[in-house]
PDB file of N, CA and C in Angstrom:
ATOM      1  N   MET A   1       0.855  -1.192   0.000  1.00  0.00           N
ATOM      2  CA  MET A   1       0.000   0.000   0.000  1.00  0.00           C
ATOM      3  C   MET A   1       0.887   1.237   0.000  1.00  0.00           C
ATOM      4  N   ASN A   2       0.434   2.215  -0.679  1.00  0.00           N
ATOM      5  CA  ASN A   2       1.159   3.467  -0.733  1.00  0.00           C
ATOM      6  C   ASN A   2       1.102   4.161   0.630  1.00  0.00           C
ATOM      7  N   GLU A   3       2.278   4.487   1.156  1.00  0.00           N
ATOM      8  CA  GLU A   3       2.341   5.151   2.460  1.00  0.00           C
ATOM      9  C   GLU A   3       1.606   6.491   2.450  1.00  0.00           C
ATOM     10  N   HIS A   4       1.456   7.059   1.269  1.00  0.00           N
ATOM     11  CA  HIS A   4       0.767   8.348   1.155  1.00  0.00           C
ATOM     12  C   HIS A   4      -0.657   8.272   1.724  1.00  0.00           C
ATOM     13  N   TYR A   5      -1.361   7.187   1.427  1.00  0.00           N
ATOM     14  CA  TYR A   5      -2.734   7.044   1.921  1.00  0.00           C
ATOM     15  C   TYR A   5      -2.766   6.889   3.439  1.00  0.00           C
ATOM     16  N   ILE A   6      -1.833   6.118   3.961  1.00  0.00           N
ATOM     17  CA  ILE A   6      -1.757   5.961   5.417  1.00  0.00           C
ATOM     18  C   ILE A   6      -1.424   7.307   6.055  1.00  0.00           C
ATOM     19  N   GLN A   7      -0.503   8.028   5.440  1.00  0.00           N
ATOM     20  CA  GLN A   7      -0.110   9.336   5.965  1.00  0.00           C
ATOM     21  C   GLN A   7      -1.310  10.285   6.026  1.00  0.00           C
ATOM     22  N   GLU A   8      -2.107  10.319   4.978  1.00  0.00           N
ATOM     23  CA  GLU A   8      -3.295  11.183   4.976  1.00  0.00           C
ATOM     24  C   GLU A   8      -4.221  10.840   6.141  1.00  0.00           C
ATOM     25  N   ILE A   9      -4.459   9.565   6.347  1.00  0.00           N
ATOM     26  CA  ILE A   9      -5.385   9.124   7.390  1.00  0.00           C
ATOM     27  C   ILE A   9      -4.822   9.419   8.781  1.00  0.00           C
ATOM     28  N   ILE A  10      -3.553   9.081   9.009  1.00  0.00           N
ATOM     29  CA  ILE A  10      -2.926   9.310  10.316  1.00  0.00           C
ATOM     30  C   ILE A  10      -2.812  10.803  10.603  1.00  0.00           C
ATOM     31  N   ASN A  11      -2.412  11.583   9.611  1.00  0.00           N
ATOM     32  CA  ASN A  11      -2.283  13.025   9.833  1.00  0.00           C
ATOM     33  C   ASN A  11      -3.635  13.672  10.125  1.00  0.00           C
ATOM     34  N   GLU A  12      -4.668  13.217   9.455  1.00  0.00           N
ATOM     35  CA  GLU A  12      -6.007  13.746   9.734  1.00  0.00           C
ATOM     36  C   GLU A  12      -6.412  13.411  11.171  1.00  0.00           C
ATOM     37  N   TRP A  13      -6.089  12.217  11.611  1.00  0.00           N
ATOM     38  CA  TRP A  13      -6.381  11.779  12.983  1.00  0.00           C
ATOM     39  C   TRP A  13      -5.551  12.578  13.987  1.00  0.00           C
ATOM     40  N   ASN A  14      -4.245  12.730  13.707  1.00  0.00           N
ATOM     41  CA  ASN A  14      -3.313  13.459  14.570  1.00  0.00           C
ATOM     42  C   ASN A  14      -3.462  13.035  16.035  1.00  0.00           C
ATOM     43  N   PRO A  15      -3.138  11.771  16.335  1.00  0.00           N
ATOM     44  CA  PRO A  15      -3.424  11.215  17.657  1.00  0.00           C
ATOM     45  C   PRO A  15      -2.714  11.888  18.822  1.00  0.00           C
ATOM     46  N   ILE A  16      -1.609  12.558  18.567  1.00  0.00           N
ATOM     47  CA  ILE A  16      -0.888  13.234  19.639  1.00  0.00           C
ATOM     48  C   ILE A  16      -1.247  14.720  19.672  1.00  0.00           C
ATOM     49  N   GLU A  17      -2.093  15.128  18.754  1.00  0.00           N
ATOM     50  CA  GLU A  17      -2.576  16.506  18.667  1.00  0.00           C
ATOM     51  C   GLU A  17      -1.432  17.509  18.541  1.00  0.00           C
ATOM     52  N   ILE A  18      -0.526  17.210  17.633  1.00  0.00           N
ATOM     53  CA  ILE A  18       0.616  18.087  17.384  1.00  0.00           C
ATOM     54  C   ILE A  18       0.146  19.262  16.537  1.00  0.00           C
ATOM     55  N   GLU A  19       0.432  20.469  16.998  1.00  0.00           N
ATOM     56  CA  GLU A  19       0.066  21.686  16.264  1.00  0.00           C
ATOM     57  C   GLU A  19       1.256  22.627  16.245  1.00  0.00           C
ATOM     58  N   PRO A  20       1.666  23.119  15.136  1.00  0.00           N
ATOM     59  CA  PRO A  20       1.201  22.766  13.808  1.00  0.00           C
ATOM     60  C   PRO A  20       1.779  21.419  13.389  1.00  0.00           C
ATOM     61  N   LEU A  21       1.020  20.675  12.650  1.00  0.00           N
ATOM     62  CA  LEU A  21       1.418  19.353  12.198  1.00  0.00           C
ATOM     63  C   LEU A  21       2.199  19.451  10.898  1.00  0.00           C
ATOM     64  N   VAL A  22       3.392  18.890  10.899  1.00  0.00           N
ATOM     65  CA  VAL A  22       4.226  18.817   9.702  1.00  0.00           C
ATOM     66  C   VAL A  22       3.836  17.538   8.966  1.00  0.00           C
ATOM     67  N   ASP A  23       3.833  17.568   7.629  1.00  0.00           N
ATOM     68  CA  ASP A  23       3.389  16.412   6.838  1.00  0.00           C
ATOM     69  C   ASP A  23       4.067  15.105   7.225  1.00  0.00           C
ATOM     70  N   ASP A  24       5.354  15.163   7.551  1.00  0.00           N
ATOM     71  CA  ASP A  24       6.074  13.925   7.859  1.00  0.00           C
ATOM     72  C   ASP A  24       6.226  13.672   9.362  1.00  0.00           C
ATOM     73  N   GLU A  25       5.388  14.311  10.151  1.00  0.00           N
ATOM     74  CA  GLU A  25       5.479  14.209  11.609  1.00  0.00           C
ATOM     75  C   GLU A  25       5.425  12.757  12.098  1.00  0.00           C
ATOM     76  N   TYR A  26       4.578  11.963  11.507  1.00  0.00           N
ATOM     77  CA  TYR A  26       4.404  10.579  11.935  1.00  0.00           C
ATOM     78  C   TYR A  26       5.035   9.599  10.947  1.00  0.00           C
ATOM     79  N   SER A  27       6.086   9.995  10.262  1.00  0.00           N
ATOM     80  CA  SER A  27       6.656   9.158   9.199  1.00  0.00           C
ATOM     81  C   SER A  27       7.151   7.807   9.701  1.00  0.00           C
ATOM     82  N   PHE A  28       7.787   7.772  10.854  1.00  0.00           N
ATOM     83  CA  PHE A  28       8.270   6.498  11.394  1.00  0.00           C
ATOM     84  C   PHE A  28       7.097   5.565  11.690  1.00  0.00           C
ATOM     85  N   GLU A  29       6.079   6.094  12.331  1.00  0.00           N
ATOM     86  CA  GLU A  29       4.908   5.290  12.685  1.00  0.00           C
ATOM     87  C   GLU A  29       4.184   4.801  11.428  1.00  0.00           C
ATOM     88  N   ILE A  30       4.084   5.658  10.445  1.00  0.00           N
ATOM     89  CA  ILE A  30       3.430   5.300   9.177  1.00  0.00           C
ATOM     90  C   ILE A  30       4.209   4.191   8.483  1.00  0.00           C
ATOM     91  N   GLU A  31       5.523   4.289   8.504  1.00  0.00           N
ATOM     92  CA  GLU A  31       6.350   3.241   7.894  1.00  0.00           C
ATOM     93  C   GLU A  31       6.147   1.910   8.613  1.00  0.00           C
ATOM     94  N   GLU A  32       6.094   1.935   9.935  1.00  0.00           N
ATOM     95  CA  GLU A  32       5.862   0.716  10.716  1.00  0.00           C
ATOM     96  C   GLU A  32       4.508   0.088  10.371  1.00  0.00           C
ATOM     97  N   ILE A  33       3.492   0.909  10.276  1.00  0.00           N
ATOM     98  CA  ILE A  33       2.150   0.416   9.943  1.00  0.00           C
ATOM     99  C   ILE A  33       2.130  -0.139   8.521  1.00  0.00           C
ATOM    100  N   ASN A  34       2.747   0.559   7.595  1.00  0.00           N
ATOM    101  CA  ASN A  34       2.808   0.102   6.215  1.00  0.00           C
ATOM    102  C   ASN A  34       3.545  -1.236   6.108  1.00  0.00           C
ATOM    103  N   ASN A  35       4.656  -1.375   6.820  1.00  0.00           N
ATOM    104  CA  ASN A  35       5.398  -2.638   6.811  1.00  0.00           C
ATOM    105  C   ASN A  35       4.552  -3.779   7.365  1.00  0.00           C
ATOM    106  N   PHE A  36       3.819  -3.503   8.416  1.00  0.00           N
ATOM    107  CA  PHE A  36       2.932  -4.512   9.004  1.00  0.00           C
ATOM    108  C   PHE A  36       1.885  -4.961   7.990  1.00  0.00           C
ATOM    109  N   ILE A  37       1.282  -4.012   7.310  1.00  0.00           N
ATOM    110  CA  ILE A  37       0.271  -4.329   6.292  1.00  0.00           C
ATOM    111  C   ILE A  37       0.888  -5.198   5.197  1.00  0.00           C
ATOM    112  N   SER A  38       2.070  -4.840   4.753  1.00  0.00           N
ATOM    113  CA  SER A  38       2.747  -5.604   3.704  1.00  0.00           C
ATOM    114  C   SER A  38       3.066  -7.027   4.156  1.00  0.00           C
ATOM    115  N   GLN A  39       3.452  -7.176   5.403  1.00  0.00           N
ATOM    116  CA  GLN A  39       3.776  -8.501   5.935  1.00  0.00           C
ATOM    117  C   GLN A  39       2.534  -9.365   6.112  1.00  0.00           C
ATOM    118  N   GLN A  40       1.444  -8.761   6.500  1.00  0.00           N
ATOM    119  CA  GLN A  40       0.225  -9.512   6.784  1.00  0.00           C
ATOM    120  C   GLN A  40      -0.487 -10.006   5.530  1.00  0.00           C
ATOM    121  N   LYS A  41      -0.442  -9.211   4.495  1.00  0.00           N
ATOM    122  CA  LYS A  41      -1.109  -9.511   3.223  1.00  0.00           C
ATOM    123  C   LYS A  41      -2.544  -9.987   3.444  1.00  0.00           C
ATOM    124  N   LYS A  42      -2.862 -11.218   3.131  1.00  0.00           N
ATOM    125  CA  LYS A  42      -4.246 -11.712   3.189  1.00  0.00           C
ATOM    126  C   LYS A  42      -4.725 -11.968   4.619  1.00  0.00           C
ATOM    127  N   GLU A  43      -3.806 -12.100   5.567  1.00  0.00           N
ATOM    128  CA  GLU A  43      -4.207 -12.341   6.962  1.00  0.00           C
ATOM    129  C   GLU A  43      -4.564 -11.059   7.723  1.00  0.00           C
ATOM    130  N   LEU A  44      -4.432  -9.923   7.084  1.00  0.00           N
ATOM    131  CA  LEU A  44      -4.693  -8.647   7.744  1.00  0.00           C
ATOM    132  C   LEU A  44      -6.164  -8.530   8.131  1.00  0.00           C
ATOM    133  N   THR A  45      -6.403  -8.166   9.386  1.00  0.00           N
ATOM    134  CA  THR A  45      -7.766  -7.922   9.866  1.00  0.00           C
ATOM    135  C   THR A  45      -7.824  -6.530  10.480  1.00  0.00           C
ATOM    136  N   ILE A  46      -9.016  -6.036  10.646  1.00  0.00           N
ATOM    137  CA  ILE A  46      -9.190  -4.725  11.275  1.00  0.00           C
ATOM    138  C   ILE A  46      -8.642  -4.733  12.693  1.00  0.00           C
ATOM    139  N   THR A  47      -8.908  -5.802  13.435  1.00  0.00           N
ATOM    140  CA  THR A  47      -8.439  -5.838  14.828  1.00  0.00           C
ATOM    141  C   THR A  47      -6.921  -5.963  14.916  1.00  0.00           C
ATOM    142  N   SER A  48      -6.306  -6.734  14.004  1.00  0.00           N
ATOM    143  CA  SER A  48      -4.841  -6.832  14.056  1.00  0.00           C
ATOM    144  C   SER A  48      -4.200  -5.496  13.668  1.00  0.00           C
ATOM    145  N   LEU A  49      -4.811  -4.805  12.731  1.00  0.00           N
ATOM    146  CA  LEU A  49      -4.312  -3.489  12.343  1.00  0.00           C
ATOM    147  C   LEU A  49      -4.505  -2.487  13.478  1.00  0.00           C
ATOM    148  N   ARG A  50      -5.650  -2.524  14.114  1.00  0.00           N
ATOM    149  CA  ARG A  50      -5.889  -1.649  15.281  1.00  0.00           C
ATOM    150  C   ARG A  50      -4.840  -1.897  16.359  1.00  0.00           C
ATOM    151  N   ASP A  51      -4.574  -3.175  16.643  1.00  0.00           N
ATOM    152  CA  ASP A  51      -3.593  -3.519  17.672  1.00  0.00           C
ATOM    153  C   ASP A  51      -2.200  -3.008  17.298  1.00  0.00           C
ATOM    154  N   LYS A  52      -1.849  -3.110  16.032  1.00  0.00           N
ATOM    155  CA  LYS A  52      -0.546  -2.619  15.577  1.00  0.00           C
ATOM    156  C   LYS A  52      -0.475  -1.101  15.687  1.00  0.00           C
ATOM    157  N   ILE A  53      -1.524  -0.413  15.303  1.00  0.00           N
ATOM    158  CA  ILE A  53      -1.564   1.054  15.431  1.00  0.00           C
ATOM    159  C   ILE A  53      -1.349   1.440  16.892  1.00  0.00           C
ATOM    160  N   ASN A  54      -2.071   0.785  17.800  1.00  0.00           N
ATOM    161  CA  ASN A  54      -1.898   1.065  19.235  1.00  0.00           C
ATOM    162  C   ASN A  54      -0.471   0.779  19.684  1.00  0.00           C
ATOM    163  N   GLU A  55       0.060  -0.353  19.272  1.00  0.00           N
ATOM    164  CA  GLU A  55       1.421  -0.738  19.663  1.00  0.00           C
ATOM    165  C   GLU A  55       2.447   0.295  19.213  1.00  0.00           C
ATOM    166  N   VAL A  56       2.350   0.715  17.969  1.00  0.00           N
ATOM    167  CA  VAL A  56       3.310   1.671  17.410  1.00  0.00           C
ATOM    168  C   VAL A  56       3.230   3.010  18.133  1.00  0.00           C
ATOM    169  N   PHE A  57       2.037   3.511  18.342  1.00  0.00           N
ATOM    170  CA  PHE A  57       1.908   4.826  18.971  1.00  0.00           C
ATOM    171  C   PHE A  57       2.209   4.791  20.466  1.00  0.00           C
ATOM    172  N   ILE A  58       1.903   3.694  21.131  1.00  0.00           N
ATOM    173  CA  ILE A  58       2.266   3.574  22.546  1.00  0.00           C
ATOM    174  C   ILE A  58       3.787   3.512  22.687  1.00  0.00           C
ATOM    175  N   LYS A  59       4.429   2.755  21.801  1.00  0.00           N
ATOM    176  CA  LYS A  59       5.890   2.630  21.848  1.00  0.00           C
ATOM    177  C   LYS A  59       6.566   3.982  21.648  1.00  0.00           C
ATOM    178  N   GLU A  60       6.082   4.756  20.729  1.00  0.00           N
ATOM    179  CA  GLU A  60       6.722   6.032  20.402  1.00  0.00           C
ATOM    180  C   GLU A  60       6.283   7.199  21.288  1.00  0.00           C
ATOM    181  N   PHE A  61       5.042   7.163  21.746  1.00  0.00           N
ATOM    182  CA  PHE A  61       4.484   8.315  22.473  1.00  0.00           C
ATOM    183  C   PHE A  61       3.796   7.877  23.769  1.00  0.00           C
ATOM    184  N   GLU A  62       4.438   6.975  24.513  1.00  0.00           N
ATOM    185  CA  GLU A  62       3.776   6.368  25.660  1.00  0.00           C
ATOM    186  C   GLU A  62       3.187   7.375  26.650  1.00  0.00           C
ATOM    187  N   ARG A  63       3.823   8.496  26.812  1.00  0.00           N
ATOM    188  CA  ARG A  63       3.299   9.487  27.760  1.00  0.00           C
ATOM    189  C   ARG A  63       2.127  10.286  27.201  1.00  0.00           C
ATOM    190  N   PHE A  64       1.946  10.259  25.888  1.00  0.00           N
ATOM    191  CA  PHE A  64       0.946  11.109  25.247  1.00  0.00           C
ATOM    192  C   PHE A  64      -0.175  10.337  24.566  1.00  0.00           C
ATOM    193  N   PHE A  65      -0.032   9.010  24.486  1.00  0.00           N
ATOM    194  CA  PHE A  65      -1.014   8.219  23.742  1.00  0.00           C
ATOM    195  C   PHE A  65      -1.492   7.052  24.587  1.00  0.00           C
ATOM    196  N   THR A  66      -2.787   6.859  24.613  1.00  0.00           N
ATOM    197  CA  THR A  66      -3.364   5.679  25.255  1.00  0.00           C
ATOM    198  C   THR A  66      -4.300   5.014  24.258  1.00  0.00           C
ATOM    199  N   LYS A  67      -4.440   3.710  24.400  1.00  0.00           N
ATOM    200  CA  LYS A  67      -5.349   2.976  23.515  1.00  0.00           C
ATOM    201  C   LYS A  67      -6.741   3.585  23.626  1.00  0.00           C
ATOM    202  N   ASN A  68      -7.415   3.668  22.492  1.00  0.00           N
ATOM    203  CA  ASN A  68      -8.783   4.160  22.526  1.00  0.00           C
ATOM    204  C   ASN A  68      -9.531   3.671  21.292  1.00  0.00           C
ATOM    205  N   ASP A  69     -10.808   3.939  21.252  1.00  0.00           N
ATOM    206  CA  ASP A  69     -11.647   3.470  20.149  1.00  0.00           C
ATOM    207  C   ASP A  69     -11.298   4.131  18.820  1.00  0.00           C
ATOM    208  N   GLU A  70     -10.638   5.264  18.859  1.00  0.00           N
ATOM    209  CA  GLU A  70     -10.286   5.953  17.621  1.00  0.00           C
ATOM    210  C   GLU A  70      -9.361   5.109  16.756  1.00  0.00           C
ATOM    211  N   SER A  71      -8.498   4.331  17.371  1.00  0.00           N
ATOM    212  CA  SER A  71      -7.572   3.517  16.573  1.00  0.00           C
ATOM    213  C   SER A  71      -8.326   2.455  15.766  1.00  0.00           C
ATOM    214  N   LEU A  72      -9.457   1.991  16.276  1.00  0.00           N
ATOM    215  CA  LEU A  72     -10.287   1.060  15.513  1.00  0.00           C
ATOM    216  C   LEU A  72     -10.869   1.775  14.292  1.00  0.00           C
ATOM    217  N   ASP A  73     -11.336   2.996  14.471  1.00  0.00           N
ATOM    218  CA  ASP A  73     -11.861   3.781  13.338  1.00  0.00           C
ATOM    219  C   ASP A  73     -10.773   4.028  12.293  1.00  0.00           C
ATOM    220  N   ILE A  74      -9.555   4.280  12.741  1.00  0.00           N
ATOM    221  CA  ILE A  74      -8.445   4.513  11.822  1.00  0.00           C
ATOM    222  C   ILE A  74      -8.126   3.236  11.060  1.00  0.00           C
ATOM    223  N   ALA A  75      -8.124   2.105  11.762  1.00  0.00           N
ATOM    224  CA  ALA A  75      -7.887   0.816  11.107  1.00  0.00           C
ATOM    225  C   ALA A  75      -8.953   0.560  10.039  1.00  0.00           C
ATOM    226  N   LYS A  76     -10.199   0.879  10.344  1.00  0.00           N
ATOM    227  CA  LYS A  76     -11.288   0.704   9.374  1.00  0.00           C
ATOM    228  C   LYS A  76     -11.073   1.584   8.149  1.00  0.00           C
ATOM    229  N   LYS A  77     -10.644   2.832   8.364  1.00  0.00           N
ATOM    230  CA  LYS A  77     -10.400   3.743   7.234  1.00  0.00           C
ATOM    231  C   LYS A  77      -9.273   3.221   6.354  1.00  0.00           C
ATOM    232  N   ILE A  78      -8.209   2.725   6.985  1.00  0.00           N
ATOM    233  CA  ILE A  78      -7.089   2.193   6.212  1.00  0.00           C
ATOM    234  C   ILE A  78      -7.526   0.953   5.442  1.00  0.00           C
ATOM    235  N   MET A  79      -8.277   0.064   6.083  1.00  0.00           N
ATOM    236  CA  MET A  79      -8.752  -1.156   5.410  1.00  0.00           C
ATOM    237  C   MET A  79      -9.669  -0.799   4.237  1.00  0.00           C
ATOM    238  N   LYS A  80     -10.514   0.223   4.416  1.00  0.00           N
ATOM    239  CA  LYS A  80     -11.390   0.640   3.332  1.00  0.00           C
ATOM    240  C   LYS A  80     -10.563   1.164   2.163  1.00  0.00           C
ATOM    241  N   LYS A  81      -9.549   1.966   2.476  1.00  0.00           N
ATOM    242  CA  LYS A  81      -8.695   2.494   1.419  1.00  0.00           C
ATOM    243  C   LYS A  81      -7.970   1.362   0.697  1.00  0.00           C
ATOM    244  N   LEU A  82      -7.550   0.338   1.441  1.00  0.00           N
ATOM    245  CA  LEU A  82      -6.900  -0.832   0.838  1.00  0.00           C
ATOM    246  C   LEU A  82      -7.842  -1.521  -0.160  1.00  0.00           C
ATOM    247  N   SER A  83      -9.084  -1.645   0.240  1.00  0.00           N
ATOM    248  CA  SER A  83     -10.048  -2.337  -0.634  1.00  0.00           C
ATOM    249  C   SER A  83     -10.421  -1.490  -1.854  1.00  0.00           C
ATOM    250  N   ASP A  84     -10.260  -0.174  -1.752  1.00  0.00           N
ATOM    251  CA  ASP A  84     -10.565   0.708  -2.875  1.00  0.00           C
ATOM    252  C   ASP A  84      -9.462   0.760  -3.918  1.00  0.00           C
ATOM    253  N   LEU A  85      -8.260   0.337  -3.531  1.00  0.00           N
ATOM    254  CA  LEU A  85      -7.112   0.433  -4.459  1.00  0.00           C
ATOM    255  C   LEU A  85      -7.136  -0.680  -5.483  1.00  0.00           C
TER     256      LEU A  85
END
């Protein structure tokens, strides 16, 4: 999947509420998520993607990010974009 689509979705979400947000602010996290998607291929599920999103953001921003329902919505948006490509 093109990282550009993931970047659009993650930046719109802006889970750490960084202002002003630079386009590549979450580039490391986006790369991690993209790699996970590529590795999972046909086994990718919304819940596994949600769990990976939570894992990546907790690892990088543990003091500023907690698991929440928004990551499930983000996983759904990414999965929808995957199916549209």
